[in-house]
Amino acid sequence: MAIDALPKDPMMLLSFVNTRMRDENINLTELCEQFGADREAVEEALKKTGYHYDDVLRKFI
């Protein structure tokens, strides 16, 4: 499944996923499971804007 359930705008997506992961103390895989989103699609969408996911920090930087 694509990232249809998440914000389309890359900056809104960045803010949304980082905030949800921080507030719920979850990682990217868990967030994607909650929203039925494909983790690779989320990472690719944010990679295009220069961000990458850090597993240790649990956020896009």
Protein backbone atom coordinates (compact mmCIF):
# COMPACT_ATOMS: atom_id res chain seq x y z
CA MET A 1 0.00 0.00 0.00
CA ALA A 2 1.23 3.50 -0.77
CA ILE A 3 1.38 6.43 1.61
CA ASP A 4 -2.22 7.47 0.84
CA ALA A 5 -3.19 7.75 4.50
CA LEU A 6 -0.35 10.17 5.25
CA PRO A 7 0.16 13.83 4.26
CA LYS A 8 1.19 14.30 0.62
CA ASP A 9 3.32 17.42 1.04
CA PRO A 10 6.88 16.31 1.92
CA MET A 11 7.36 18.87 4.69
CA MET A 12 3.99 18.05 6.24
CA LEU A 13 4.86 14.35 5.99
CA LEU A 14 8.18 14.97 7.71
CA SER A 15 6.55 16.89 10.53
CA PHE A 16 3.73 14.38 10.88
CA VAL A 17 5.87 11.24 11.05
CA ASN A 18 8.53 12.71 13.33
CA THR A 19 5.90 14.10 15.69
CA ARG A 20 3.90 10.86 15.83
CA MET A 21 7.01 8.74 16.39
CA ARG A 22 8.17 11.06 19.17
CA ASP A 23 4.79 11.41 20.88
CA GLU A 24 3.94 7.71 20.70
CA ASN A 25 7.51 6.48 21.27
CA ILE A 26 7.36 4.24 18.20
CA ASN A 27 9.64 3.59 15.24
CA LEU A 28 8.96 4.07 11.55
CA THR A 29 7.88 0.47 11.00
CA GLU A 30 5.27 0.72 13.77
CA LEU A 31 4.00 4.05 12.44
CA CYS A 32 3.62 2.63 8.94
CA GLU A 33 1.74 -0.37 10.33
CA GLN A 34 -0.68 1.97 12.13
CA PHE A 35 -1.49 3.80 8.89
CA GLY A 36 -1.21 0.90 6.46
CA ALA A 37 1.62 2.69 4.69
CA ASP A 38 4.62 1.23 2.93
CA ARG A 39 7.77 2.09 4.86
CA GLU A 40 9.90 2.16 1.71
CA ALA A 41 7.49 4.62 0.08
CA VAL A 42 7.67 6.94 3.10
CA GLU A 43 11.45 6.77 3.19
CA GLU A 44 11.68 7.38 -0.57
CA ALA A 45 9.32 10.37 -0.41
CA LEU A 46 11.45 12.00 2.28
CA LYS A 47 14.75 10.99 0.71
CA LYS A 48 13.81 13.14 -2.29
CA THR A 49 13.80 16.18 0.01
CA GLY A 50 17.16 15.30 1.59
CA TYR A 51 16.00 13.51 4.76
CA HIS A 52 16.88 9.99 5.85
CA TYR A 53 15.55 7.87 8.69
CA ASP A 54 17.83 7.28 11.68
CA ASP A 55 16.92 4.03 13.48
CA VAL A 56 18.77 5.03 16.65
CA LEU A 57 17.14 8.46 16.98
CA ARG A 58 13.80 7.20 15.58
CA LYS A 59 13.35 10.23 13.36
CA PHE A 60 14.11 11.65 9.96
CA ILE A 61 17.12 13.93 9.92
